[in-house]
């Protein structure tokens, strides 16, 4: 009888442990844009995504890895840069800047730290480095990792990445 009770207890503990573990690893229900829109830290990014007309792309199945600049990162751009990018006449440049932050595929933090570069949706290659727990994407520092979305993952960065082709125009 004691063996049956121990076996039942072990099965119960296994089931409880599995349900707790599964609860922490549930698939995210919201897409990248919905998650960004629900966080005030990304309001400028969401405004830019809408102005560029790429909302549907970032709501697509993906998967994508987005290196998402914060509002403070946009505010740190040279004076007038963001206003210039948000003008309808500069939509193509805005799309280039935003897609320069997106990589096809889902690269969680543990995978990103193993990369030295990645090709962006914009088509350019971005440099990635990792040293003593600090991860850099170009000149931006990754300040938060692994915000899981239904169509990929978001890593928060502290600077806006601007491809050389756009920087020359601004």
C-alpha atoms as a PDB file:
ATOM      1  CA  UNK A   1       0.000   0.000   0.000  1.00  0.00           C
ATOM      2  CA  UNK A   2       2.865   2.366   0.853  1.00  0.00           C
ATOM      3  CA  UNK A   3       4.406   1.742  -2.589  1.00  0.00           C
ATOM      4  CA  UNK A   4       1.135   2.635  -4.318  1.00  0.00           C
ATOM      5  CA  UNK A   5       0.842   5.829  -2.243  1.00  0.00           C
ATOM      6  CA  UNK A   6       4.460   6.786  -3.088  1.00  0.00           C
ATOM      7  CA  UNK A   7       3.824   6.077  -6.765  1.00  0.00           C
ATOM      8  CA  UNK A   8       0.624   8.161  -6.724  1.00  0.00           C
ATOM      9  CA  UNK A   9       2.473  11.013  -5.004  1.00  0.00           C
ATOM     10  CA  UNK A  10       5.272  10.843  -7.583  1.00  0.00           C
ATOM     11  CA  UNK A  11       2.773  10.910 -10.454  1.00  0.00           C
ATOM     12  CA  UNK A  12       0.922  13.856  -8.889  1.00  0.00           C
ATOM     13  CA  UNK A  13       4.162  15.788  -8.344  1.00  0.00           C
ATOM     14  CA  UNK A  14       5.243  15.053 -11.908  1.00  0.00           C
ATOM     15  CA  UNK A  15       1.915  16.335 -13.259  1.00  0.00           C
ATOM     16  CA  UNK A  16       2.060  19.476 -11.110  1.00  0.00           C
ATOM     17  CA  UNK A  17       5.688  20.107 -12.110  1.00  0.00           C
ATOM     18  CA  UNK A  18       4.855  19.607 -15.768  1.00  0.00           C
ATOM     19  CA  UNK A  19       1.894  21.997 -15.635  1.00  0.00           C
ATOM     20  CA  UNK A  20       4.011  24.658 -13.898  1.00  0.00           C
ATOM     21  CA  UNK A  21       6.814  24.188 -16.452  1.00  0.00           C
ATOM     22  CA  UNK A  22       4.340  24.280 -19.354  1.00  0.00           C
ATOM     23  CA  UNK A  23       2.746  27.443 -17.963  1.00  0.00           C
ATOM     24  CA  UNK A  24       6.068  29.254 -18.165  1.00  0.00           C
ATOM     25  CA  UNK A  25       6.670  28.165 -21.741  1.00  0.00           C
ATOM     26  CA  UNK A  26       3.274  28.753 -23.323  1.00  0.00           C
ATOM     27  CA  UNK A  27       3.288  30.060 -26.858  1.00  0.00           C
ATOM     28  CA  UNK A  28       2.766  33.816 -26.891  1.00  0.00           C
ATOM     29  CA  UNK A  29      -0.636  34.790 -28.255  1.00  0.00           C
ATOM     30  CA  UNK A  30       0.133  38.345 -29.362  1.00  0.00           C
ATOM     31  CA  UNK A  31       2.179  39.322 -32.399  1.00  0.00           C
ATOM     32  CA  UNK A  32       5.161  41.682 -32.382  1.00  0.00           C
ATOM     33  CA  UNK A  33       3.159  44.826 -33.198  1.00  0.00           C
ATOM     34  CA  UNK A  34       0.459  44.096 -30.613  1.00  0.00           C
ATOM     35  CA  UNK A  35       3.078  43.575 -27.912  1.00  0.00           C
ATOM     36  CA  UNK A  36       4.933  46.765 -28.876  1.00  0.00           C
ATOM     37  CA  UNK A  37       1.666  48.729 -28.981  1.00  0.00           C
ATOM     38  CA  UNK A  38       0.774  47.562 -25.477  1.00  0.00           C
ATOM     39  CA  UNK A  39       4.027  48.952 -24.035  1.00  0.00           C
ATOM     40  CA  UNK A  40       4.485  52.743 -23.728  1.00  0.00           C
ATOM     41  CA  UNK A  41       8.256  52.277 -24.109  1.00  0.00           C
ATOM     42  CA  UNK A  42       7.677  51.535 -27.811  1.00  0.00           C
ATOM     43  CA  UNK A  43       5.087  54.194 -28.721  1.00  0.00           C
ATOM     44  CA  UNK A  44       7.472  55.985 -31.099  1.00  0.00           C
ATOM     45  CA  UNK A  45       8.413  52.685 -32.739  1.00  0.00           C
ATOM     46  CA  UNK A  46       4.744  51.814 -33.232  1.00  0.00           C
ATOM     47  CA  UNK A  47       4.067  55.267 -34.709  1.00  0.00           C
ATOM     48  CA  UNK A  48       6.957  54.746 -37.127  1.00  0.00           C
ATOM     49  CA  UNK A  49       5.748  51.235 -38.061  1.00  0.00           C
ATOM     50  CA  UNK A  50       2.304  52.635 -38.844  1.00  0.00           C
ATOM     51  CA  UNK A  51       3.737  55.586 -40.824  1.00  0.00           C
ATOM     52  CA  UNK A  52       5.899  53.180 -42.849  1.00  0.00           C
ATOM     53  CA  UNK A  53       2.895  50.987 -43.621  1.00  0.00           C
ATOM     54  CA  UNK A  54       4.599  47.798 -42.440  1.00  0.00           C
ATOM     55  CA  UNK A  55       2.201  46.877 -39.639  1.00  0.00           C
ATOM     56  CA  UNK A  56       0.779  43.928 -41.592  1.00  0.00           C
ATOM     57  CA  UNK A  57       4.259  42.572 -42.318  1.00  0.00           C
ATOM     58  CA  UNK A  58       5.172  42.553 -38.621  1.00  0.00           C
ATOM     59  CA  UNK A  59       1.838  40.940 -37.775  1.00  0.00           C
ATOM     60  CA  UNK A  60       2.551  38.202 -40.343  1.00  0.00           C
ATOM     61  CA  UNK A  61       3.452  34.670 -39.322  1.00  0.00           C
ATOM     62  CA  UNK A  62       7.168  35.392 -39.461  1.00  0.00           C
ATOM     63  CA  UNK A  63       9.030  34.357 -37.464  1.00  0.00           C
ATOM     64  CA  UNK A  64      11.017  37.531 -36.939  1.00  0.00           C
ATOM     65  CA  UNK A  65      13.569  38.797 -34.482  1.00  0.00           C
ATOM     66  CA  UNK A  66      13.110  42.506 -33.841  1.00  0.00           C
ATOM     67  CA  UNK A  67      15.761  44.662 -32.223  1.00  0.00           C
ATOM     68  CA  UNK A  68      13.314  47.258 -30.919  1.00  0.00           C
ATOM     69  CA  UNK A  69      14.547  50.751 -30.053  1.00  0.00           C
ATOM     70  CA  UNK A  70      12.889  52.490 -27.117  1.00  0.00           C
ATOM     71  CA  UNK A  71      11.338  55.941 -27.190  1.00  0.00           C
ATOM     72  CA  UNK A  72      14.535  57.236 -25.560  1.00  0.00           C
ATOM     73  CA  UNK A  73      16.543  55.755 -28.433  1.00  0.00           C
ATOM     74  CA  UNK A  74      14.427  57.682 -30.946  1.00  0.00           C
ATOM     75  CA  UNK A  75      14.771  60.855 -28.853  1.00  0.00           C
ATOM     76  CA  UNK A  76      18.572  60.460 -28.980  1.00  0.00           C
ATOM     77  CA  UNK A  77      18.609  60.739 -32.787  1.00  0.00           C
ATOM     78  CA  UNK A  78      20.017  64.037 -34.102  1.00  0.00           C
ATOM     79  CA  UNK A  79      17.455  66.854 -33.899  1.00  0.00           C
ATOM     80  CA  UNK A  80      14.878  66.698 -36.665  1.00  0.00           C
ATOM     81  CA  UNK A  81      15.804  63.196 -37.872  1.00  0.00           C
ATOM     82  CA  UNK A  82      12.669  61.459 -36.618  1.00  0.00           C
ATOM     83  CA  UNK A  83      10.392  64.229 -37.915  1.00  0.00           C
ATOM     84  CA  UNK A  84      12.100  63.995 -41.295  1.00  0.00           C
ATOM     85  CA  UNK A  85      11.717  60.194 -41.399  1.00  0.00           C
ATOM     86  CA  UNK A  86       8.020  60.375 -40.499  1.00  0.00           C
ATOM     87  CA  UNK A  87       7.201  62.649 -43.451  1.00  0.00           C
ATOM     88  CA  UNK A  88       5.316  60.840 -46.233  1.00  0.00           C
ATOM     89  CA  UNK A  89       7.988  61.904 -48.745  1.00  0.00           C
ATOM     90  CA  UNK A  90      10.558  59.877 -46.768  1.00  0.00           C
ATOM     91  CA  UNK A  91       8.494  56.717 -46.357  1.00  0.00           C
ATOM     92  CA  UNK A  92      11.033  54.596 -48.267  1.00  0.00           C
ATOM     93  CA  UNK A  93      13.851  55.699 -45.937  1.00  0.00           C
ATOM     94  CA  UNK A  94      11.657  54.997 -42.900  1.00  0.00           C
ATOM     95  CA  UNK A  95      10.905  51.490 -44.186  1.00  0.00           C
ATOM     96  CA  UNK A  96      14.654  50.939 -44.650  1.00  0.00           C
ATOM     97  CA  UNK A  97      15.407  52.081 -41.099  1.00  0.00           C
ATOM     98  CA  UNK A  98      12.690  49.915 -39.555  1.00  0.00           C
ATOM     99  CA  UNK A  99      13.449  46.775 -41.566  1.00  0.00           C
ATOM    100  CA  UNK A 100      17.120  47.231 -40.617  1.00  0.00           C
ATOM    101  CA  UNK A 101      15.970  46.276 -37.094  1.00  0.00           C
ATOM    102  CA  UNK A 102      14.335  43.016 -38.227  1.00  0.00           C
ATOM    103  CA  UNK A 103      15.941  39.650 -38.919  1.00  0.00           C
ATOM    104  CA  UNK A 104      14.044  36.718 -40.434  1.00  0.00           C
ATOM    105  CA  UNK A 105      13.839  33.838 -37.982  1.00  0.00           C
ATOM    106  CA  UNK A 106      13.391  33.564 -34.243  1.00  0.00           C
ATOM    107  CA  UNK A 107      16.686  34.213 -32.464  1.00  0.00           C
ATOM    108  CA  UNK A 108      16.342  34.087 -28.698  1.00  0.00           C
ATOM    109  CA  UNK A 109      19.059  35.640 -26.538  1.00  0.00           C
ATOM    110  CA  UNK A 110      21.006  32.398 -26.256  1.00  0.00           C
ATOM    111  CA  UNK A 111      21.196  32.189 -30.066  1.00  0.00           C
ATOM    112  CA  UNK A 112      21.951  35.896 -30.567  1.00  0.00           C
ATOM    113  CA  UNK A 113      24.990  35.682 -28.287  1.00  0.00           C
ATOM    114  CA  UNK A 114      26.441  33.060 -30.618  1.00  0.00           C
ATOM    115  CA  UNK A 115      26.152  35.284 -33.689  1.00  0.00           C
ATOM    116  CA  UNK A 116      28.719  37.700 -35.081  1.00  0.00           C
ATOM    117  CA  UNK A 117      26.362  39.082 -37.712  1.00  0.00           C
ATOM    118  CA  UNK A 118      22.867  38.729 -39.128  1.00  0.00           C
ATOM    119  CA  UNK A 119      21.198  39.716 -42.368  1.00  0.00           C
ATOM    120  CA  UNK A 120      18.297  42.094 -41.863  1.00  0.00           C
ATOM    121  CA  UNK A 121      15.010  42.138 -43.735  1.00  0.00           C
ATOM    122  CA  UNK A 122      16.282  45.421 -45.216  1.00  0.00           C
ATOM    123  CA  UNK A 123      19.047  43.360 -46.838  1.00  0.00           C
ATOM    124  CA  UNK A 124      22.091  44.660 -44.996  1.00  0.00           C
ATOM    125  CA  UNK A 125      24.266  42.722 -42.591  1.00  0.00           C
ATOM    126  CA  UNK A 126      24.389  43.966 -39.000  1.00  0.00           C
ATOM    127  CA  UNK A 127      27.268  43.214 -36.655  1.00  0.00           C
ATOM    128  CA  UNK A 128      26.532  41.479 -33.370  1.00  0.00           C
ATOM    129  CA  UNK A 129      29.018  41.119 -30.553  1.00  0.00           C
ATOM    130  CA  UNK A 130      28.855  39.684 -27.086  1.00  0.00           C
ATOM    131  CA  UNK A 131      31.285  40.363 -24.276  1.00  0.00           C
ATOM    132  CA  UNK A 132      30.934  39.664 -20.561  1.00  0.00           C
ATOM    133  CA  UNK A 133      27.150  39.409 -20.744  1.00  0.00           C
ATOM    134  CA  UNK A 134      26.751  42.585 -22.787  1.00  0.00           C
ATOM    135  CA  UNK A 135      25.324  42.152 -26.281  1.00  0.00           C
ATOM    136  CA  UNK A 136      25.775  44.813 -28.940  1.00  0.00           C
ATOM    137  CA  UNK A 137      23.929  45.112 -32.237  1.00  0.00           C
ATOM    138  CA  UNK A 138      25.989  47.554 -34.267  1.00  0.00           C
ATOM    139  CA  UNK A 139      26.454  50.394 -31.708  1.00  0.00           C
ATOM    140  CA  UNK A 140      23.268  49.636 -29.755  1.00  0.00           C
ATOM    141  CA  UNK A 141      23.248  47.734 -26.480  1.00  0.00           C
ATOM    142  CA  UNK A 142      20.612  45.067 -25.928  1.00  0.00           C
ATOM    143  CA  UNK A 143      18.948  46.095 -22.666  1.00  0.00           C
ATOM    144  CA  UNK A 144      16.170  43.484 -22.466  1.00  0.00           C
ATOM    145  CA  UNK A 145      15.842  40.146 -24.208  1.00  0.00           C
ATOM    146  CA  UNK A 146      13.362  37.491 -25.159  1.00  0.00           C
ATOM    147  CA  UNK A 147      10.010  39.250 -25.220  1.00  0.00           C
ATOM    148  CA  UNK A 148       8.183  36.389 -26.905  1.00  0.00           C
ATOM    149  CA  UNK A 149       5.566  37.030 -29.561  1.00  0.00           C
ATOM    150  CA  UNK A 150       3.418  34.633 -31.546  1.00  0.00           C
ATOM    151  CA  UNK A 151       5.461  35.453 -34.641  1.00  0.00           C
ATOM    152  CA  UNK A 152       8.935  35.869 -33.186  1.00  0.00           C
ATOM    153  CA  UNK A 153      10.895  37.571 -30.459  1.00  0.00           C
ATOM    154  CA  UNK A 154      11.718  41.146 -29.448  1.00  0.00           C
ATOM    155  CA  UNK A 155      15.019  42.315 -27.980  1.00  0.00           C
ATOM    156  CA  UNK A 156      15.059  45.885 -26.671  1.00  0.00           C
ATOM    157  CA  UNK A 157      17.957  48.122 -27.750  1.00  0.00           C
ATOM    158  CA  UNK A 158      19.038  51.565 -26.590  1.00  0.00           C
ATOM    159  CA  UNK A 159      19.777  53.145 -29.995  1.00  0.00           C
ATOM    160  CA  UNK A 160      18.095  53.405 -33.366  1.00  0.00           C
ATOM    161  CA  UNK A 161      20.035  51.562 -36.052  1.00  0.00           C
ATOM    162  CA  UNK A 162      20.317  53.579 -39.256  1.00  0.00           C
ATOM    163  CA  UNK A 163      21.685  51.911 -42.382  1.00  0.00           C
ATOM    164  CA  UNK A 164      24.493  53.818 -44.113  1.00  0.00           C
ATOM    165  CA  UNK A 165      22.353  54.255 -47.239  1.00  0.00           C
ATOM    166  CA  UNK A 166      19.783  56.214 -45.203  1.00  0.00           C
ATOM    167  CA  UNK A 167      22.262  58.060 -42.980  1.00  0.00           C
ATOM    168  CA  UNK A 168      23.808  59.654 -46.078  1.00  0.00           C
ATOM    169  CA  UNK A 169      20.395  61.053 -47.069  1.00  0.00           C
ATOM    170  CA  UNK A 170      19.552  62.538 -43.690  1.00  0.00           C
END
